[in-house]
Amino acid sequence: MNKLSRREFLRSITATTLVAVVGRSSVLQYFNSSRPFELLVVGDSLIWGQGLEEKDKFYSLVAEWLRRDAFGKPCDVNMKVKAHSGATIFFDPKRPPSIAAGRDENHFYKGEVNVSTPSISKQVETAAAEYSLQGRTRGADLVLLTAGVTDISVEGVLNPYEDPQKLKPLIEEVCGKRVGKLLEQTGQSNPDAQIGVIGYYPMLSKRSSRKAVFNAWLEVLDVPNWKQGFANNPIMRPILFGRLFNRAIERSRIWSAESDRQLKKSIAEHNSKVGREQAIFIPSPLTEENTAEAPNTLLFRMRKNGTVEDPQYLARKSDCKEAFVDLERTTGIKYH
């Protein structure tokens, strides 16, 4: 049993967010009006809350806090959730799902389906159009945003076959330059909003179980059970996996530190351009003690036969099958 439950963890990052945004003039000015508070959620699987039930998602807890407790009085909150798993920052025609969805980047698959479109930029654009139709030409009061990891991919971050130092310029491009452009677009579409940019966390660490991580990797590769037993044992594991595992941990640490640094840099540059502290950085409270397959992990564990312990697994499997059949039919591209 984890010392800190996932819901307690999500509540802690919720509190961090609200301490950061409440009291700032751009949010406080809302409370001089009688209209509902507008909360916009854009980004990738982190802000979407992959695998979590709706009541436990980070943005749901933020909305709940705003409605009930934020300023000592109840308030109405309208929430737009455009985030979904797999979303890249901008449309990328080189990524196969983007090629497929390129026929209509406005098409939203169910949030658990890992496809790159609609991009986060398109999510912001779509929300702005909807706000305009509703007569809200200045958009949201608060925007919660995550962006960056999907442009590289988790596999790309952890890839143990690549020099770890080559990861740094890629993070600078994605979390620096691309996020900077995204913040500019988000700020222009929501000029009165506070923009909360949520940081990522280390994925692997020395606290992660080598046996469990290697097993998960073998499951993903569809290695038969009898071969898993041959490879994943105290004798063979260090030979087959030891060096790769250490390299992946190094890359995870680089990702965690550099993505935070570049996101903060993008935010500082954006705020300097607009002349006020519109965007703020919200660091993840998750540490190396909570990484994948660590004793106190706050991430969902892999089970036998490639299944995952999260409560959305069966629904996600069904949703993905439906979406990928449609994508294969319309594009000729087969998705795993």
C-alpha atoms as a PDB file:
ATOM      1  CA  MET A   1       0.000   0.000   0.000  1.00  0.00           C
ATOM      2  CA  ASN A   2       1.475   3.377  -0.989  1.00  0.00           C
ATOM      3  CA  LYS A   3       2.250   5.778   1.873  1.00  0.00           C
ATOM      4  CA  LEU A   4       0.637   8.494  -0.252  1.00  0.00           C
ATOM      5  CA  SER A   5      -2.431   7.591  -2.275  1.00  0.00           C
ATOM      6  CA  ARG A   6      -2.858   8.805  -5.835  1.00  0.00           C
ATOM      7  CA  ARG A   7      -5.814  10.920  -4.788  1.00  0.00           C
ATOM      8  CA  GLU A   8      -3.779  12.472  -1.958  1.00  0.00           C
ATOM      9  CA  PHE A   9      -1.009  13.155  -4.470  1.00  0.00           C
ATOM     10  CA  LEU A  10      -3.449  14.777  -6.860  1.00  0.00           C
ATOM     11  CA  ARG A  11      -4.881  16.856  -4.048  1.00  0.00           C
ATOM     12  CA  SER A  12      -1.371  18.013  -3.150  1.00  0.00           C
ATOM     13  CA  ILE A  13      -0.625  19.223  -6.672  1.00  0.00           C
ATOM     14  CA  THR A  14      -4.095  20.786  -6.765  1.00  0.00           C
ATOM     15  CA  ALA A  15      -3.270  22.743  -3.609  1.00  0.00           C
ATOM     16  CA  THR A  16       0.047  23.802  -5.126  1.00  0.00           C
ATOM     17  CA  THR A  17      -1.754  25.050  -8.213  1.00  0.00           C
ATOM     18  CA  LEU A  18      -4.340  27.020  -6.310  1.00  0.00           C
ATOM     19  CA  VAL A  19      -1.835  28.619  -3.975  1.00  0.00           C
ATOM     20  CA  ALA A  20      -0.005  29.730  -7.113  1.00  0.00           C
ATOM     21  CA  VAL A  21      -3.011  31.189  -8.927  1.00  0.00           C
ATOM     22  CA  VAL A  22      -5.348  32.454  -6.213  1.00  0.00           C
ATOM     23  CA  GLY A  23      -4.592  36.005  -5.212  1.00  0.00           C
ATOM     24  CA  ARG A  24      -3.338  37.037  -8.636  1.00  0.00           C
ATOM     25  CA  SER A  25      -5.273  39.951 -10.066  1.00  0.00           C
ATOM     26  CA  SER A  26      -6.165  38.182 -13.317  1.00  0.00           C
ATOM     27  CA  VAL A  27      -8.069  35.508 -11.407  1.00  0.00           C
ATOM     28  CA  LEU A  28      -9.347  37.671  -8.565  1.00  0.00           C
ATOM     29  CA  GLN A  29     -11.051  40.100 -10.908  1.00  0.00           C
ATOM     30  CA  TYR A  30     -13.523  37.354 -11.802  1.00  0.00           C
ATOM     31  CA  PHE A  31     -15.046  37.554  -8.340  1.00  0.00           C
ATOM     32  CA  ASN A  32     -16.296  41.047  -8.968  1.00  0.00           C
ATOM     33  CA  SER A  33     -18.716  39.595 -11.518  1.00  0.00           C
ATOM     34  CA  SER A  34     -21.732  37.317 -11.333  1.00  0.00           C
ATOM     35  CA  ARG A  35     -20.899  35.119 -14.316  1.00  0.00           C
ATOM     36  CA  PRO A  36     -19.517  31.552 -14.051  1.00  0.00           C
ATOM     37  CA  PHE A  37     -15.762  31.046 -13.717  1.00  0.00           C
ATOM     38  CA  GLU A  38     -14.263  29.656 -16.943  1.00  0.00           C
ATOM     39  CA  LEU A  39     -11.680  26.869 -16.601  1.00  0.00           C
ATOM     40  CA  LEU A  40      -9.934  25.566 -19.735  1.00  0.00           C
ATOM     41  CA  VAL A  41      -7.911  22.331 -19.736  1.00  0.00           C
ATOM     42  CA  VAL A  42      -5.551  21.667 -22.666  1.00  0.00           C
ATOM     43  CA  GLY A  43      -2.615  19.357 -23.152  1.00  0.00           C
ATOM     44  CA  ASP A  44      -1.539  15.729 -23.189  1.00  0.00           C
ATOM     45  CA  SER A  45      -2.119  12.628 -21.062  1.00  0.00           C
ATOM     46  CA  LEU A  46      -0.668  14.211 -17.916  1.00  0.00           C
ATOM     47  CA  ILE A  47      -3.357  16.877 -17.581  1.00  0.00           C
ATOM     48  CA  TRP A  48      -5.927  14.519 -19.118  1.00  0.00           C
ATOM     49  CA  GLY A  49      -5.252  12.080 -16.277  1.00  0.00           C
ATOM     50  CA  GLN A  50      -4.667   8.893 -18.262  1.00  0.00           C
ATOM     51  CA  GLY A  51      -6.173   5.890 -16.491  1.00  0.00           C
ATOM     52  CA  LEU A  52      -7.899   7.871 -13.737  1.00  0.00           C
ATOM     53  CA  GLU A  53     -11.591   8.061 -13.030  1.00  0.00           C
ATOM     54  CA  GLU A  54     -13.065  11.497 -13.720  1.00  0.00           C
ATOM     55  CA  LYS A  55     -13.534  12.327 -10.027  1.00  0.00           C
ATOM     56  CA  ASP A  56      -9.832  11.743  -9.346  1.00  0.00           C
ATOM     57  CA  LYS A  57      -8.422  13.781 -12.213  1.00  0.00           C
ATOM     58  CA  PHE A  58      -6.323  16.807 -11.400  1.00  0.00           C
ATOM     59  CA  TYR A  59      -8.557  19.268 -13.225  1.00  0.00           C
ATOM     60  CA  SER A  60     -11.667  17.799 -11.565  1.00  0.00           C
ATOM     61  CA  LEU A  61     -10.142  18.422  -8.148  1.00  0.00           C
ATOM     62  CA  VAL A  62      -9.214  21.968  -9.158  1.00  0.00           C
ATOM     63  CA  ALA A  63     -12.775  22.605 -10.385  1.00  0.00           C
ATOM     64  CA  GLU A  64     -14.195  21.085  -7.193  1.00  0.00           C
ATOM     65  CA  TRP A  65     -12.012  23.348  -5.052  1.00  0.00           C
ATOM     66  CA  LEU A  66     -12.992  26.416  -7.052  1.00  0.00           C
ATOM     67  CA  ARG A  67     -16.693  25.608  -6.752  1.00  0.00           C
ATOM     68  CA  ARG A  68     -16.687  24.932  -3.037  1.00  0.00           C
ATOM     69  CA  ASP A  69     -13.780  26.472  -1.184  1.00  0.00           C
ATOM     70  CA  ALA A  70     -11.544  28.726  -3.274  1.00  0.00           C
ATOM     71  CA  PHE A  71     -12.660  32.114  -2.045  1.00  0.00           C
ATOM     72  CA  GLY A  72     -14.816  31.297   0.924  1.00  0.00           C
ATOM     73  CA  LYS A  73     -18.007  31.154  -1.068  1.00  0.00           C
ATOM     74  CA  PRO A  74     -19.575  28.797  -3.636  1.00  0.00           C
ATOM     75  CA  CYS A  75     -19.202  29.713  -7.281  1.00  0.00           C
ATOM     76  CA  ASP A  76     -20.275  28.325 -10.635  1.00  0.00           C
ATOM     77  CA  VAL A  77     -17.478  26.846 -12.748  1.00  0.00           C
ATOM     78  CA  ASN A  78     -17.714  26.101 -16.452  1.00  0.00           C
ATOM     79  CA  MET A  79     -15.008  23.680 -17.515  1.00  0.00           C
ATOM     80  CA  LYS A  80     -13.829  22.921 -21.042  1.00  0.00           C
ATOM     81  CA  VAL A  81     -11.590  19.854 -21.314  1.00  0.00           C
ATOM     82  CA  LYS A  82      -9.839  19.629 -24.682  1.00  0.00           C
ATOM     83  CA  ALA A  83      -6.809  17.669 -23.462  1.00  0.00           C
ATOM     84  CA  HIS A  84      -6.298  14.059 -24.518  1.00  0.00           C
ATOM     85  CA  SER A  85      -3.655  11.372 -24.457  1.00  0.00           C
ATOM     86  CA  GLY A  86      -0.946  11.650 -27.091  1.00  0.00           C
ATOM     87  CA  ALA A  87      -1.472  15.285 -28.063  1.00  0.00           C
ATOM     88  CA  THR A  88       1.568  16.973 -29.610  1.00  0.00           C
ATOM     89  CA  ILE A  89       2.064  20.728 -29.291  1.00  0.00           C
ATOM     90  CA  PHE A  90       1.522  21.459 -32.979  1.00  0.00           C
ATOM     91  CA  PHE A  91       0.238  19.419 -35.890  1.00  0.00           C
ATOM     92  CA  ASP A  92       3.033  17.122 -37.082  1.00  0.00           C
ATOM     93  CA  PRO A  93       2.377  15.569 -40.507  1.00  0.00           C
ATOM     94  CA  LYS A  94       5.315  13.192 -40.023  1.00  0.00           C
ATOM     95  CA  ARG A  95       3.590  11.295 -37.215  1.00  0.00           C
ATOM     96  CA  PRO A  96       1.306   8.533 -38.555  1.00  0.00           C
ATOM     97  CA  PRO A  97      -1.729   9.415 -36.391  1.00  0.00           C
ATOM     98  CA  SER A  98      -1.375  13.012 -37.571  1.00  0.00           C
ATOM     99  CA  ILE A  99      -1.417  11.894 -41.172  1.00  0.00           C
ATOM    100  CA  ALA A 100      -4.627  10.065 -40.418  1.00  0.00           C
ATOM    101  CA  ALA A 101      -6.272  12.825 -38.450  1.00  0.00           C
ATOM    102  CA  GLY A 102      -4.988  15.378 -40.935  1.00  0.00           C
ATOM    103  CA  ARG A 103      -8.133  14.767 -42.932  1.00  0.00           C
ATOM    104  CA  ASP A 104      -9.857  16.652 -40.111  1.00  0.00           C
ATOM    105  CA  GLU A 105      -7.716  17.811 -37.196  1.00  0.00           C
ATOM    106  CA  ASN A 106     -10.868  18.895 -35.422  1.00  0.00           C
ATOM    107  CA  HIS A 107     -11.879  15.262 -34.953  1.00  0.00           C
ATOM    108  CA  PHE A 108     -11.593  14.321 -31.280  1.00  0.00           C
ATOM    109  CA  TYR A 109     -11.166  10.679 -30.384  1.00  0.00           C
ATOM    110  CA  LYS A 110     -11.941   9.600 -26.838  1.00  0.00           C
ATOM    111  CA  GLY A 111      -9.364  10.999 -24.433  1.00  0.00           C
ATOM    112  CA  GLU A 112      -7.686   7.716 -23.522  1.00  0.00           C
ATOM    113  CA  VAL A 113      -6.867   6.953 -27.182  1.00  0.00           C
ATOM    114  CA  ASN A 114      -3.235   7.836 -27.778  1.00  0.00           C
ATOM    115  CA  VAL A 115      -3.199   9.844 -31.032  1.00  0.00           C
ATOM    116  CA  SER A 116      -1.363  13.097 -31.620  1.00  0.00           C
ATOM    117  CA  THR A 117      -4.310  15.108 -32.900  1.00  0.00           C
ATOM    118  CA  PRO A 118      -6.005  17.397 -32.214  1.00  0.00           C
ATOM    119  CA  SER A 119      -2.740  19.098 -31.291  1.00  0.00           C
ATOM    120  CA  ILE A 120      -2.612  21.259 -28.177  1.00  0.00           C
ATOM    121  CA  SER A 121      -2.511  24.305 -30.432  1.00  0.00           C
ATOM    122  CA  LYS A 122      -5.709  23.109 -32.112  1.00  0.00           C
ATOM    123  CA  GLN A 123      -7.274  22.508 -28.682  1.00  0.00           C
ATOM    124  CA  VAL A 124      -6.611  26.151 -27.786  1.00  0.00           C
ATOM    125  CA  GLU A 125      -7.980  27.301 -31.151  1.00  0.00           C
ATOM    126  CA  THR A 126     -11.124  25.188 -30.827  1.00  0.00           C
ATOM    127  CA  ALA A 127     -11.801  26.439 -27.300  1.00  0.00           C
ATOM    128  CA  ALA A 128     -11.362  30.050 -28.429  1.00  0.00           C
ATOM    129  CA  ALA A 129     -13.923  29.561 -31.196  1.00  0.00           C
ATOM    130  CA  GLU A 130     -16.387  28.036 -28.727  1.00  0.00           C
ATOM    131  CA  TYR A 131     -15.893  30.870 -26.236  1.00  0.00           C
ATOM    132  CA  SER A 132     -16.491  33.380 -29.026  1.00  0.00           C
ATOM    133  CA  LEU A 133     -19.758  31.710 -29.981  1.00  0.00           C
ATOM    134  CA  GLN A 134     -20.782  31.937 -26.330  1.00  0.00           C
ATOM    135  CA  GLY A 135     -20.070  35.661 -26.324  1.00  0.00           C
ATOM    136  CA  ARG A 136     -16.848  35.332 -24.321  1.00  0.00           C
ATOM    137  CA  THR A 137     -14.383  37.029 -26.625  1.00  0.00           C
ATOM    138  CA  ARG A 138     -11.640  37.042 -23.973  1.00  0.00           C
ATOM    139  CA  GLY A 139     -11.727  33.319 -23.281  1.00  0.00           C
ATOM    140  CA  ALA A 140     -11.031  31.542 -20.013  1.00  0.00           C
ATOM    141  CA  ASP A 141     -10.213  32.822 -16.532  1.00  0.00           C
ATOM    142  CA  LEU A 142      -7.795  29.990 -15.806  1.00  0.00           C
ATOM    143  CA  VAL A 143      -5.990  27.689 -18.256  1.00  0.00           C
ATOM    144  CA  LEU A 144      -4.335  24.471 -17.039  1.00  0.00           C
ATOM    145  CA  LEU A 145      -1.794  23.170 -19.518  1.00  0.00           C
ATOM    146  CA  THR A 146       0.737  20.387 -20.004  1.00  0.00           C
ATOM    147  CA  ALA A 147       2.873  20.135 -23.122  1.00  0.00           C
ATOM    148  CA  GLY A 148       6.134  18.621 -24.277  1.00  0.00           C
ATOM    149  CA  VAL A 149       6.621  14.957 -23.525  1.00  0.00           C
ATOM    150  CA  THR A 150       4.499  13.656 -26.407  1.00  0.00           C
ATOM    151  CA  ASP A 151       6.566  15.558 -28.975  1.00  0.00           C
ATOM    152  CA  ILE A 152       9.513  13.423 -27.888  1.00  0.00           C
ATOM    153  CA  SER A 153       7.473  10.414 -26.624  1.00  0.00           C
ATOM    154  CA  VAL A 154       8.105   8.467 -23.455  1.00  0.00           C
ATOM    155  CA  GLU A 155       9.979   5.883 -25.511  1.00  0.00           C
ATOM    156  CA  GLY A 156      12.132   8.658 -26.932  1.00  0.00           C
ATOM    157  CA  VAL A 157      12.910  10.064 -23.503  1.00  0.00           C
ATOM    158  CA  LEU A 158      13.917   6.696 -22.059  1.00  0.00           C
ATOM    159  CA  ASN A 159      15.582   5.253 -25.195  1.00  0.00           C
ATOM    160  CA  PRO A 160      18.682   3.565 -23.720  1.00  0.00           C
ATOM    161  CA  TYR A 161      20.310   3.094 -27.112  1.00  0.00           C
ATOM    162  CA  GLU A 162      20.860   6.841 -27.642  1.00  0.00           C
ATOM    163  CA  ASP A 163      23.459   9.134 -26.076  1.00  0.00           C
ATOM    164  CA  PRO A 164      21.764  10.826 -23.088  1.00  0.00           C
ATOM    165  CA  GLN A 165      23.351  14.187 -23.944  1.00  0.00           C
ATOM    166  CA  LYS A 166      21.488  14.273 -27.269  1.00  0.00           C
ATOM    167  CA  LEU A 167      18.276  14.567 -25.285  1.00  0.00           C
ATOM    168  CA  LYS A 168      19.064  18.096 -24.018  1.00  0.00           C
ATOM    169  CA  PRO A 169      18.782  19.999 -27.343  1.00  0.00           C
ATOM    170  CA  LEU A 170      15.575  18.125 -28.120  1.00  0.00           C
ATOM    171  CA  ILE A 171      14.065  19.187 -24.788  1.00  0.00           C
ATOM    172  CA  GLU A 172      15.145  22.771 -25.493  1.00  0.00           C
ATOM    173  CA  GLU A 173      13.360  22.689 -28.857  1.00  0.00           C
ATOM    174  CA  VAL A 174      10.170  21.181 -27.444  1.00  0.00           C
ATOM    175  CA  CYS A 175       9.781  22.604 -23.921  1.00  0.00           C
ATOM    176  CA  GLY A 176      11.549  25.813 -24.838  1.00  0.00           C
ATOM    177  CA  LYS A 177      10.736  27.020 -28.343  1.00  0.00           C
ATOM    178  CA  ARG A 178       7.508  25.128 -29.060  1.00  0.00           C
ATOM    179  CA  VAL A 179       5.987  25.715 -25.642  1.00  0.00           C
ATOM    180  CA  GLY A 180       6.960  29.383 -25.968  1.00  0.00           C
ATOM    181  CA  LYS A 181       4.926  29.660 -29.174  1.00  0.00           C
ATOM    182  CA  LEU A 182       2.049  27.771 -27.541  1.00  0.00           C
ATOM    183  CA  LEU A 183       2.029  30.170 -24.587  1.00  0.00           C
ATOM    184  CA  GLU A 184       1.864  33.109 -26.975  1.00  0.00           C
ATOM    185  CA  GLN A 185      -1.162  31.595 -28.731  1.00  0.00           C
ATOM    186  CA  THR A 186      -2.841  30.665 -25.433  1.00  0.00           C
ATOM    187  CA  GLY A 187      -2.292  34.115 -23.993  1.00  0.00           C
ATOM    188  CA  GLN A 188      -3.663  35.850 -27.081  1.00  0.00           C
ATOM    189  CA  SER A 189      -6.769  33.654 -27.077  1.00  0.00           C
ATOM    190  CA  ASN A 190      -7.274  34.066 -23.308  1.00  0.00           C
ATOM    191  CA  PRO A 191      -5.844  37.528 -22.525  1.00  0.00           C
ATOM    192  CA  ASP A 192      -7.326  37.763 -19.019  1.00  0.00           C
ATOM    193  CA  ALA A 193      -6.467  34.215 -17.969  1.00  0.00           C
ATOM    194  CA  GLN A 194      -3.857  32.920 -15.596  1.00  0.00           C
ATOM    195  CA  ILE A 195      -2.036  30.080 -17.372  1.00  0.00           C
ATOM    196  CA  GLY A 196      -0.838  27.268 -15.131  1.00  0.00           C
ATOM    197  CA  VAL A 197       1.895  25.205 -16.826  1.00  0.00           C
ATOM    198  CA  ILE A 198       2.319  21.918 -14.990  1.00  0.00           C
ATOM    199  CA  GLY A 199       5.720  20.250 -14.924  1.00  0.00           C
ATOM    200  CA  TYR A 200       6.551  16.624 -15.577  1.00  0.00           C
ATOM    201  CA  TYR A 201       8.259  14.141 -13.264  1.00  0.00           C
ATOM    202  CA  PRO A 202      11.059  11.540 -13.353  1.00  0.00           C
ATOM    203  CA  MET A 203       9.795   8.320 -14.910  1.00  0.00           C
ATOM    204  CA  LEU A 204      12.451   5.895 -13.675  1.00  0.00           C
ATOM    205  CA  SER A 205      14.951   5.917 -10.835  1.00  0.00           C
ATOM    206  CA  LYS A 206      17.189   3.610  -8.843  1.00  0.00           C
ATOM    207  CA  ARG A 207      14.162   3.032  -6.653  1.00  0.00           C
ATOM    208  CA  SER A 208      12.397   1.353  -9.598  1.00  0.00           C
ATOM    209  CA  SER A 209      12.371  -2.434  -9.520  1.00  0.00           C
ATOM    210  CA  ARG A 210      14.615  -3.733 -12.302  1.00  0.00           C
ATOM    211  CA  LYS A 211      12.687  -6.989 -12.354  1.00  0.00           C
ATOM    212  CA  ALA A 212       9.309  -5.268 -12.745  1.00  0.00           C
ATOM    213  CA  VAL A 213      10.508  -2.744 -15.335  1.00  0.00           C
ATOM    214  CA  PHE A 214      12.237  -5.440 -17.405  1.00  0.00           C
ATOM    215  CA  ASN A 215       9.109  -7.572 -17.190  1.00  0.00           C
ATOM    216  CA  ALA A 216       6.972  -4.645 -18.378  1.00  0.00           C
ATOM    217  CA  TRP A 217       9.341  -4.088 -21.302  1.00  0.00           C
ATOM    218  CA  LEU A 218       9.168  -7.767 -22.257  1.00  0.00           C
ATOM    219  CA  GLU A 219       5.361  -7.647 -22.016  1.00  0.00           C
ATOM    220  CA  VAL A 220       5.216  -4.643 -24.340  1.00  0.00           C
ATOM    221  CA  LEU A 221       7.437  -6.514 -26.802  1.00  0.00           C
ATOM    222  CA  ASP A 222       5.062  -9.518 -26.623  1.00  0.00           C
ATOM    223  CA  VAL A 223       7.859 -11.839 -25.501  1.00  0.00           C
ATOM    224  CA  PRO A 224       6.344 -15.258 -24.613  1.00  0.00           C
ATOM    225  CA  ASN A 225       6.160 -16.093 -20.912  1.00  0.00           C
ATOM    226  CA  TRP A 226       8.685 -18.934 -21.128  1.00  0.00           C
ATOM    227  CA  LYS A 227      11.240 -16.585 -22.683  1.00  0.00           C
ATOM    228  CA  GLN A 228      10.510 -13.961 -20.049  1.00  0.00           C
ATOM    229  CA  GLY A 229      11.420 -16.453 -17.359  1.00  0.00           C
ATOM    230  CA  PHE A 230      14.690 -17.260 -19.131  1.00  0.00           C
ATOM    231  CA  ALA A 231      15.640 -13.592 -19.523  1.00  0.00           C
ATOM    232  CA  ASN A 232      14.282 -12.005 -16.355  1.00  0.00           C
ATOM    233  CA  ASN A 233      16.117 -13.743 -13.525  1.00  0.00           C
ATOM    234  CA  PRO A 234      18.948 -12.690 -11.169  1.00  0.00           C
ATOM    235  CA  ILE A 235      21.589 -14.229 -13.444  1.00  0.00           C
ATOM    236  CA  MET A 236      20.481 -13.029 -16.898  1.00  0.00           C
ATOM    237  CA  ARG A 237      18.842  -9.716 -15.931  1.00  0.00           C
ATOM    238  CA  PRO A 238      22.076  -7.801 -15.184  1.00  0.00           C
ATOM    239  CA  ILE A 239      23.604  -9.081 -18.424  1.00  0.00           C
ATOM    240  CA  LEU A 240      20.648  -8.304 -20.680  1.00  0.00           C
ATOM    241  CA  PHE A 241      19.180  -5.275 -18.949  1.00  0.00           C
ATOM    242  CA  GLY A 242      21.588  -3.732 -16.415  1.00  0.00           C
ATOM    243  CA  ARG A 243      23.377  -1.263 -18.688  1.00  0.00           C
ATOM    244  CA  LEU A 244      20.194  -0.350 -20.573  1.00  0.00           C
ATOM    245  CA  PHE A 245      18.332   0.277 -17.332  1.00  0.00           C
ATOM    246  CA  ASN A 246      21.033   2.599 -15.985  1.00  0.00           C
ATOM    247  CA  ARG A 247      21.060   4.523 -19.263  1.00  0.00           C
ATOM    248  CA  ALA A 248      17.263   4.913 -19.132  1.00  0.00           C
ATOM    249  CA  ILE A 249      17.495   6.232 -15.552  1.00  0.00           C
ATOM    250  CA  GLU A 250      20.080   8.792 -16.639  1.00  0.00           C
ATOM    251  CA  ARG A 251      17.828   9.951 -19.450  1.00  0.00           C
ATOM    252  CA  SER A 252      14.861  10.140 -17.079  1.00  0.00           C
ATOM    253  CA  ARG A 253      16.823  12.446 -14.774  1.00  0.00           C
ATOM    254  CA  ILE A 254      17.862  14.648 -17.684  1.00  0.00           C
ATOM    255  CA  TRP A 255      14.249  14.861 -18.826  1.00  0.00           C
ATOM    256  CA  SER A 256      12.948  15.808 -15.391  1.00  0.00           C
ATOM    257  CA  ALA A 257      15.557  18.522 -14.772  1.00  0.00           C
ATOM    258  CA  GLU A 258      15.767  19.952 -18.284  1.00  0.00           C
ATOM    259  CA  SER A 259      12.044  19.963 -19.019  1.00  0.00           C
ATOM    260  CA  ASP A 260      11.465  21.935 -15.804  1.00  0.00           C
ATOM    261  CA  ARG A 261      14.250  24.350 -16.690  1.00  0.00           C
ATOM    262  CA  GLN A 262      13.061  24.929 -20.244  1.00  0.00           C
ATOM    263  CA  LEU A 263       9.407  25.302 -19.234  1.00  0.00           C
ATOM    264  CA  LYS A 264      10.401  27.913 -16.645  1.00  0.00           C
ATOM    265  CA  LYS A 265      12.471  29.703 -19.273  1.00  0.00           C
ATOM    266  CA  SER A 266       9.557  29.719 -21.736  1.00  0.00           C
ATOM    267  CA  ILE A 267       7.260  31.088 -19.042  1.00  0.00           C
ATOM    268  CA  ALA A 268       9.702  33.837 -18.061  1.00  0.00           C
ATOM    269  CA  GLU A 269      10.126  34.908 -21.679  1.00  0.00           C
ATOM    270  CA  HIS A 270       6.360  34.909 -22.239  1.00  0.00           C
ATOM    271  CA  ASN A 271       5.707  36.994 -19.134  1.00  0.00           C
ATOM    272  CA  SER A 272       8.389  39.447 -20.182  1.00  0.00           C
ATOM    273  CA  LYS A 273       6.710  39.893 -23.566  1.00  0.00           C
ATOM    274  CA  VAL A 274       3.218  40.456 -22.164  1.00  0.00           C
ATOM    275  CA  GLY A 275       4.458  42.647 -19.332  1.00  0.00           C
ATOM    276  CA  ARG A 276       2.843  40.711 -16.489  1.00  0.00           C
ATOM    277  CA  GLU A 277       3.021  37.358 -14.751  1.00  0.00           C
ATOM    278  CA  GLN A 278       0.363  35.695 -16.875  1.00  0.00           C
ATOM    279  CA  ALA A 279       1.900  32.204 -16.926  1.00  0.00           C
ATOM    280  CA  ILE A 280       3.174  30.347 -13.887  1.00  0.00           C
ATOM    281  CA  PHE A 281       5.091  27.102 -13.462  1.00  0.00           C
ATOM    282  CA  ILE A 282       3.601  24.414 -11.227  1.00  0.00           C
ATOM    283  CA  PRO A 283       6.207  21.755 -10.361  1.00  0.00           C
ATOM    284  CA  SER A 284       5.137  18.172  -9.932  1.00  0.00           C
ATOM    285  CA  PRO A 285       5.449  16.955  -6.328  1.00  0.00           C
ATOM    286  CA  LEU A 286       6.249  13.463  -7.623  1.00  0.00           C
ATOM    287  CA  THR A 287       9.874  12.484  -6.923  1.00  0.00           C
ATOM    288  CA  GLU A 288      12.196   9.582  -7.650  1.00  0.00           C
ATOM    289  CA  GLU A 289      10.586   7.801  -4.704  1.00  0.00           C
ATOM    290  CA  ASN A 290       7.354   7.630  -6.722  1.00  0.00           C
ATOM    291  CA  THR A 291       8.652   6.575 -10.156  1.00  0.00           C
ATOM    292  CA  ALA A 292       7.561   3.552 -12.161  1.00  0.00           C
ATOM    293  CA  GLU A 293       7.659   0.299 -10.202  1.00  0.00           C
ATOM    294  CA  ALA A 294       9.263   1.923  -7.130  1.00  0.00           C
ATOM    295  CA  PRO A 295       8.028   0.720  -3.708  1.00  0.00           C
ATOM    296  CA  ASN A 296       6.096   3.990  -3.288  1.00  0.00           C
ATOM    297  CA  THR A 297       5.179   4.457  -6.928  1.00  0.00           C
ATOM    298  CA  LEU A 298       2.210   6.673  -7.752  1.00  0.00           C
ATOM    299  CA  LEU A 299       2.076   5.378 -11.319  1.00  0.00           C
ATOM    300  CA  PHE A 300      -0.073   2.461 -12.436  1.00  0.00           C
ATOM    301  CA  ARG A 301       1.747  -0.868 -12.537  1.00  0.00           C
ATOM    302  CA  MET A 302       1.973  -3.273 -15.444  1.00  0.00           C
ATOM    303  CA  ARG A 303       0.354  -6.656 -14.925  1.00  0.00           C
ATOM    304  CA  LYS A 304       0.692  -9.969 -16.697  1.00  0.00           C
ATOM    305  CA  ASN A 305      -0.143 -10.258 -20.383  1.00  0.00           C
ATOM    306  CA  GLY A 306       0.385  -6.557 -20.993  1.00  0.00           C
ATOM    307  CA  THR A 307      -2.558  -5.351 -18.908  1.00  0.00           C
ATOM    308  CA  VAL A 308      -2.372  -2.309 -16.633  1.00  0.00           C
ATOM    309  CA  GLU A 309      -3.867  -1.900 -13.164  1.00  0.00           C
ATOM    310  CA  ASP A 310      -5.708   1.370 -13.837  1.00  0.00           C
ATOM    311  CA  PRO A 311      -9.536   1.458 -13.710  1.00  0.00           C
ATOM    312  CA  GLN A 312      -9.812   2.665 -17.318  1.00  0.00           C
ATOM    313  CA  TYR A 313      -7.877  -0.242 -18.854  1.00  0.00           C
ATOM    314  CA  LEU A 314     -10.819  -2.222 -20.251  1.00  0.00           C
ATOM    315  CA  ALA A 315     -12.656   0.866 -21.515  1.00  0.00           C
ATOM    316  CA  ARG A 316      -9.431   2.193 -23.077  1.00  0.00           C
ATOM    317  CA  LYS A 317      -8.775  -1.109 -24.795  1.00  0.00           C
ATOM    318  CA  SER A 318     -12.248  -1.008 -26.339  1.00  0.00           C
ATOM    319  CA  ASP A 319     -11.960   2.670 -27.319  1.00  0.00           C
ATOM    320  CA  CYS A 320      -8.546   2.128 -28.909  1.00  0.00           C
ATOM    321  CA  LYS A 321      -9.748  -0.855 -30.890  1.00  0.00           C
ATOM    322  CA  GLU A 322     -12.640   1.161 -32.284  1.00  0.00           C
ATOM    323  CA  ALA A 323     -10.453   4.182 -33.094  1.00  0.00           C
ATOM    324  CA  PHE A 324      -7.599   2.233 -34.642  1.00  0.00           C
ATOM    325  CA  VAL A 325      -9.924   0.168 -36.820  1.00  0.00           C
ATOM    326  CA  ASP A 326     -11.351   3.438 -38.118  1.00  0.00           C
ATOM    327  CA  LEU A 327      -7.878   4.900 -38.692  1.00  0.00           C
ATOM    328  CA  GLU A 328      -6.702   1.782 -40.511  1.00  0.00           C
ATOM    329  CA  ARG A 329      -9.824   1.790 -42.668  1.00  0.00           C
ATOM    330  CA  THR A 330      -9.492   5.419 -43.652  1.00  0.00           C
ATOM    331  CA  THR A 331      -5.705   5.650 -44.001  1.00  0.00           C
ATOM    332  CA  GLY A 332      -4.389   2.129 -44.604  1.00  0.00           C
ATOM    333  CA  ILE A 333      -2.031   2.536 -41.636  1.00  0.00           C
ATOM    334  CA  LYS A 334      -2.128  -0.249 -39.067  1.00  0.00           C
ATOM    335  CA  TYR A 335      -1.904   0.746 -35.410  1.00  0.00           C
ATOM    336  CA  HIS A 336      -0.751  -1.439 -32.563  1.00  0.00           C
END
